[in-house]
Amino acid sequence: FDSSDADSKRIFWSDGGVHQNITFPVHPDPISGMHCWHQKVRIETAHAGDAYGDIVVDTEKSMAIYREWLKLTRPAPGPGGLRRPLWLGRPLRPAPELFYIKKT
């Protein structure tokens, strides 16, 4: 496709492919509580007979690892009533008051 970035001319594919959450699901981050990708994956080239989007996932192993990560997390609220640490970088950082859990 055309753009001001010369590398865009090197892109030859026309779709986004298989969504990463199908290949390896998210896990809870022990510090932020956000869903993160703390995993190691093995990728192979396609085999004869494979179709577009074919994946193989060991869901039992994936769930076992998820449970290990879940044990490392702590329930909210955190210290001082925080949902997430104020120092945690965010691409679109909300106002500081939104980091706190309000008591109801």
N, C-alpha and C. Protein backbone atom coordinates (compact mmCIF):
# COMPACT_ATOMS: atom_id res chain seq x y z
N PHE A 1 0.84 -1.18 0.00
CA PHE A 1 0.00 0.00 0.00
C PHE A 1 0.89 1.24 0.00
N ASP A 2 0.33 2.34 -0.44
CA ASP A 2 1.10 3.58 -0.51
C ASP A 2 1.02 4.33 0.81
N SER A 3 2.17 4.82 1.26
CA SER A 3 2.23 5.67 2.44
C SER A 3 3.54 6.44 2.40
N SER A 4 3.75 7.30 3.38
CA SER A 4 5.00 8.06 3.45
C SER A 4 6.16 7.19 3.93
N ASP A 5 5.88 6.00 4.44
CA ASP A 5 6.90 5.07 4.89
C ASP A 5 7.29 4.16 3.72
N ALA A 6 8.54 4.23 3.31
CA ALA A 6 9.00 3.44 2.16
C ALA A 6 8.82 1.94 2.38
N ASP A 7 8.87 1.49 3.64
CA ASP A 7 8.71 0.05 3.92
C ASP A 7 7.32 -0.47 3.60
N SER A 8 6.32 0.41 3.53
CA SER A 8 4.96 -0.07 3.26
C SER A 8 4.86 -0.74 1.90
N LYS A 9 5.74 -0.40 0.99
CA LYS A 9 5.72 -1.04 -0.34
C LYS A 9 6.14 -2.51 -0.27
N ARG A 10 6.80 -2.89 0.83
CA ARG A 10 7.27 -4.27 0.99
C ARG A 10 6.19 -5.19 1.53
N ILE A 11 5.06 -4.66 1.97
CA ILE A 11 3.99 -5.48 2.54
C ILE A 11 3.20 -6.09 1.39
N PHE A 12 3.19 -7.40 1.36
CA PHE A 12 2.56 -8.11 0.25
C PHE A 12 1.25 -8.80 0.64
N TRP A 13 0.96 -8.90 1.95
CA TRP A 13 -0.23 -9.62 2.36
C TRP A 13 -1.41 -8.67 2.46
N SER A 14 -2.62 -9.25 2.49
CA SER A 14 -3.81 -8.41 2.45
C SER A 14 -4.74 -8.59 3.65
N ASP A 15 -4.39 -9.47 4.59
CA ASP A 15 -5.23 -9.57 5.79
C ASP A 15 -4.35 -9.71 7.02
N GLY A 16 -4.98 -9.59 8.18
CA GLY A 16 -4.25 -9.56 9.44
C GLY A 16 -3.85 -10.91 9.99
N GLY A 17 -4.32 -11.99 9.41
CA GLY A 17 -3.94 -13.31 9.90
C GLY A 17 -4.77 -13.76 11.09
N VAL A 18 -4.26 -14.76 11.81
CA VAL A 18 -4.94 -15.34 12.96
C VAL A 18 -4.69 -14.46 14.18
N HIS A 19 -5.73 -14.17 14.93
CA HIS A 19 -5.58 -13.32 16.12
C HIS A 19 -4.71 -14.03 17.15
N GLN A 20 -3.81 -13.27 17.78
CA GLN A 20 -2.86 -13.87 18.71
C GLN A 20 -3.52 -14.51 19.92
N ASN A 21 -4.71 -14.04 20.34
CA ASN A 21 -5.35 -14.63 21.51
C ASN A 21 -5.81 -16.06 21.25
N ILE A 22 -5.99 -16.44 20.00
CA ILE A 22 -6.36 -17.82 19.69
C ILE A 22 -5.12 -18.70 19.81
N THR A 23 -3.99 -18.18 19.38
CA THR A 23 -2.74 -18.95 19.41
C THR A 23 -2.20 -19.08 20.82
N PHE A 24 -2.17 -18.00 21.55
CA PHE A 24 -1.74 -18.06 22.95
C PHE A 24 -2.55 -17.04 23.75
N PRO A 25 -3.40 -17.53 24.67
CA PRO A 25 -4.30 -16.63 25.38
C PRO A 25 -3.56 -15.76 26.39
N VAL A 26 -4.23 -14.72 26.82
CA VAL A 26 -3.64 -13.79 27.77
C VAL A 26 -3.59 -14.39 29.17
N HIS A 27 -2.71 -13.86 29.99
CA HIS A 27 -2.59 -14.27 31.39
C HIS A 27 -2.61 -13.04 32.28
N PRO A 28 -2.97 -13.20 33.54
CA PRO A 28 -2.99 -12.05 34.44
C PRO A 28 -1.57 -11.64 34.81
N ASP A 29 -1.27 -10.35 34.72
CA ASP A 29 0.02 -9.85 35.16
C ASP A 29 -0.03 -9.66 36.67
N PRO A 30 0.94 -10.21 37.42
CA PRO A 30 0.87 -10.16 38.88
C PRO A 30 0.93 -8.75 39.47
N ILE A 31 1.54 -7.81 38.78
CA ILE A 31 1.67 -6.46 39.33
C ILE A 31 0.50 -5.58 38.93
N SER A 32 0.21 -5.54 37.64
CA SER A 32 -0.81 -4.61 37.16
C SER A 32 -2.21 -5.20 37.18
N GLY A 33 -2.33 -6.53 37.14
CA GLY A 33 -3.63 -7.16 37.04
C GLY A 33 -4.18 -7.18 35.63
N MET A 34 -3.45 -6.56 34.71
CA MET A 34 -3.90 -6.52 33.31
C MET A 34 -3.65 -7.87 32.64
N HIS A 35 -4.32 -8.09 31.56
CA HIS A 35 -4.06 -9.28 30.76
C HIS A 35 -2.80 -9.04 29.95
N CYS A 36 -1.86 -9.97 30.05
CA CYS A 36 -0.57 -9.83 29.37
C CYS A 36 -0.19 -11.16 28.72
N TRP A 37 0.80 -11.10 27.88
CA TRP A 37 1.26 -12.29 27.19
C TRP A 37 2.62 -12.70 27.74
N HIS A 38 2.60 -13.50 28.83
CA HIS A 38 3.83 -13.96 29.47
C HIS A 38 4.05 -15.42 29.08
N GLN A 39 4.23 -15.68 27.83
CA GLN A 39 4.31 -17.06 27.40
C GLN A 39 5.39 -17.28 26.37
N LYS A 40 5.77 -18.52 26.29
CA LYS A 40 6.71 -18.95 25.26
C LYS A 40 5.90 -19.81 24.29
N VAL A 41 6.08 -19.58 23.02
CA VAL A 41 5.36 -20.35 22.01
C VAL A 41 6.35 -20.98 21.04
N ARG A 42 5.92 -22.03 20.42
CA ARG A 42 6.72 -22.66 19.36
C ARG A 42 5.93 -22.56 18.07
N ILE A 43 6.56 -22.05 17.07
CA ILE A 43 5.90 -21.87 15.78
C ILE A 43 6.63 -22.72 14.75
N GLU A 44 5.87 -23.40 13.93
CA GLU A 44 6.44 -24.22 12.86
C GLU A 44 5.93 -23.72 11.52
N THR A 45 6.67 -24.03 10.48
CA THR A 45 6.17 -23.74 9.14
C THR A 45 4.99 -24.67 8.87
N ALA A 46 4.15 -24.27 7.95
CA ALA A 46 2.96 -25.07 7.63
C ALA A 46 3.36 -26.44 7.10
N HIS A 47 2.56 -27.43 7.44
CA HIS A 47 2.76 -28.80 6.97
C HIS A 47 1.82 -29.07 5.79
N ALA A 48 2.14 -30.07 5.03
CA ALA A 48 1.25 -30.48 3.93
C ALA A 48 -0.12 -30.79 4.50
N GLY A 49 -1.15 -30.28 3.90
CA GLY A 49 -2.51 -30.51 4.38
C GLY A 49 -3.01 -29.46 5.36
N ASP A 50 -2.13 -28.60 5.86
CA ASP A 50 -2.58 -27.53 6.75
C ASP A 50 -3.40 -26.51 5.96
N ALA A 51 -4.41 -25.97 6.61
CA ALA A 51 -5.24 -24.94 6.00
C ALA A 51 -4.97 -23.61 6.69
N TYR A 52 -5.33 -22.53 6.03
CA TYR A 52 -5.15 -21.19 6.58
C TYR A 52 -5.81 -21.11 7.96
N GLY A 53 -5.07 -20.64 8.94
CA GLY A 53 -5.62 -20.45 10.27
C GLY A 53 -5.55 -21.68 11.17
N ASP A 54 -5.02 -22.81 10.67
CA ASP A 54 -4.90 -24.00 11.51
C ASP A 54 -3.94 -23.73 12.66
N ILE A 55 -4.36 -24.07 13.87
CA ILE A 55 -3.49 -23.97 15.04
C ILE A 55 -3.71 -25.20 15.90
N VAL A 56 -2.72 -25.51 16.73
CA VAL A 56 -2.84 -26.59 17.70
C VAL A 56 -2.45 -26.00 19.04
N VAL A 57 -3.32 -26.14 20.03
CA VAL A 57 -3.06 -25.58 21.35
C VAL A 57 -3.32 -26.67 22.38
N ASP A 58 -2.38 -26.84 23.32
CA ASP A 58 -2.57 -27.74 24.45
C ASP A 58 -3.32 -26.94 25.51
N THR A 59 -4.64 -27.03 25.50
CA THR A 59 -5.45 -26.19 26.38
C THR A 59 -5.27 -26.56 27.86
N GLU A 60 -4.98 -27.83 28.15
CA GLU A 60 -4.75 -28.22 29.55
C GLU A 60 -3.47 -27.57 30.07
N LYS A 61 -2.41 -27.59 29.26
CA LYS A 61 -1.16 -26.97 29.68
C LYS A 61 -1.34 -25.46 29.79
N SER A 62 -2.04 -24.87 28.85
CA SER A 62 -2.30 -23.44 28.88
C SER A 62 -3.05 -23.05 30.15
N MET A 63 -4.07 -23.82 30.52
CA MET A 63 -4.85 -23.53 31.73
C MET A 63 -4.00 -23.71 32.98
N ALA A 64 -3.13 -24.71 33.00
CA ALA A 64 -2.25 -24.93 34.15
C ALA A 64 -1.32 -23.73 34.35
N ILE A 65 -0.78 -23.22 33.26
CA ILE A 65 0.11 -22.06 33.35
C ILE A 65 -0.67 -20.83 33.78
N TYR A 66 -1.87 -20.67 33.25
CA TYR A 66 -2.73 -19.56 33.67
C TYR A 66 -2.95 -19.60 35.17
N ARG A 67 -3.22 -20.78 35.72
CA ARG A 67 -3.47 -20.90 37.17
C ARG A 67 -2.22 -20.58 37.97
N GLU A 68 -1.03 -20.93 37.44
CA GLU A 68 0.22 -20.56 38.12
C GLU A 68 0.35 -19.04 38.20
N TRP A 69 0.09 -18.36 37.10
CA TRP A 69 0.18 -16.90 37.09
C TRP A 69 -0.89 -16.29 37.99
N LEU A 70 -2.07 -16.87 38.01
CA LEU A 70 -3.16 -16.34 38.83
C LEU A 70 -2.79 -16.37 40.31
N LYS A 71 -2.04 -17.39 40.74
CA LYS A 71 -1.60 -17.49 42.14
C LYS A 71 -0.69 -16.33 42.53
N LEU A 72 -0.01 -15.73 41.55
CA LEU A 72 0.92 -14.63 41.82
C LEU A 72 0.21 -13.28 41.96
N THR A 73 -1.05 -13.23 41.55
CA THR A 73 -1.77 -11.96 41.59
C THR A 73 -2.36 -11.73 42.98
N ARG A 74 -2.72 -10.50 43.24
CA ARG A 74 -3.34 -10.13 44.52
C ARG A 74 -4.70 -9.51 44.24
N PRO A 75 -5.64 -9.71 45.14
CA PRO A 75 -6.96 -9.12 44.91
C PRO A 75 -6.91 -7.59 45.04
N ALA A 76 -7.81 -6.94 44.34
CA ALA A 76 -7.94 -5.48 44.45
C ALA A 76 -8.75 -5.17 45.70
N PRO A 77 -8.65 -4.01 46.26
CA PRO A 77 -7.74 -2.96 45.84
C PRO A 77 -6.34 -3.19 46.38
N GLY A 78 -5.37 -2.52 45.75
CA GLY A 78 -3.99 -2.59 46.20
C GLY A 78 -3.74 -1.57 47.29
N PRO A 79 -2.46 -1.35 47.63
CA PRO A 79 -2.13 -0.37 48.67
C PRO A 79 -2.73 1.00 48.37
N GLY A 80 -3.32 1.61 49.39
CA GLY A 80 -3.91 2.93 49.23
C GLY A 80 -5.17 2.96 48.39
N GLY A 81 -5.78 1.80 48.15
CA GLY A 81 -7.01 1.74 47.36
C GLY A 81 -6.79 1.79 45.86
N LEU A 82 -5.56 1.53 45.41
CA LEU A 82 -5.25 1.60 43.98
C LEU A 82 -5.71 0.36 43.22
N ARG A 83 -6.24 0.59 42.02
CA ARG A 83 -6.53 -0.51 41.09
C ARG A 83 -5.23 -1.00 40.48
N ARG A 84 -4.38 -0.04 40.08
CA ARG A 84 -3.08 -0.33 39.47
C ARG A 84 -2.10 0.68 40.02
N PRO A 85 -0.80 0.33 40.07
CA PRO A 85 0.19 1.28 40.58
C PRO A 85 0.22 2.56 39.73
N LEU A 86 0.38 3.70 40.40
CA LEU A 86 0.43 4.98 39.68
C LEU A 86 1.63 5.05 38.73
N TRP A 87 2.69 4.32 39.05
CA TRP A 87 3.90 4.36 38.21
C TRP A 87 3.76 3.50 36.95
N LEU A 88 2.70 2.72 36.85
CA LEU A 88 2.53 1.83 35.72
C LEU A 88 2.28 2.63 34.44
N GLY A 89 3.15 2.45 33.45
CA GLY A 89 3.00 3.16 32.19
C GLY A 89 1.78 2.67 31.41
N ARG A 90 1.05 3.57 30.84
CA ARG A 90 -0.12 3.24 30.03
C ARG A 90 -0.04 4.05 28.75
N PRO A 91 -0.39 3.48 27.60
CA PRO A 91 -0.35 4.25 26.36
C PRO A 91 -1.28 5.46 26.39
N LEU A 92 -2.47 5.28 26.92
CA LEU A 92 -3.43 6.38 27.08
C LEU A 92 -3.76 6.46 28.56
N ARG A 93 -2.92 7.18 29.28
CA ARG A 93 -3.01 7.21 30.74
C ARG A 93 -4.26 7.95 31.20
N PRO A 94 -5.08 7.29 32.04
CA PRO A 94 -6.25 7.97 32.58
C PRO A 94 -5.83 8.97 33.67
N ALA A 95 -6.75 9.79 34.07
CA ALA A 95 -6.50 10.73 35.16
C ALA A 95 -6.14 9.94 36.42
N PRO A 96 -5.24 10.46 37.27
CA PRO A 96 -4.80 9.72 38.46
C PRO A 96 -5.95 9.23 39.34
N GLU A 97 -7.03 10.01 39.46
CA GLU A 97 -8.13 9.57 40.34
C GLU A 97 -8.80 8.30 39.84
N LEU A 98 -8.64 7.98 38.58
CA LEU A 98 -9.25 6.76 38.03
C LEU A 98 -8.45 5.51 38.35
N PHE A 99 -7.28 5.65 38.96
CA PHE A 99 -6.49 4.50 39.38
C PHE A 99 -6.98 3.95 40.72
N TYR A 100 -7.86 4.68 41.39
CA TYR A 100 -8.32 4.28 42.72
C TYR A 100 -9.68 3.60 42.65
N ILE A 101 -9.89 2.65 43.55
CA ILE A 101 -11.19 2.00 43.68
C ILE A 101 -11.97 2.75 44.75
N LYS A 102 -13.14 3.23 44.38
CA LYS A 102 -13.97 3.98 45.33
C LYS A 102 -14.74 3.00 46.19
N LYS A 103 -14.76 3.27 47.48
CA LYS A 103 -15.55 2.44 48.39
C LYS A 103 -17.02 2.78 48.22
N THR A 104 -17.85 1.74 48.16
CA THR A 104 -19.28 1.99 47.98
C THR A 104 -20.04 1.71 49.25
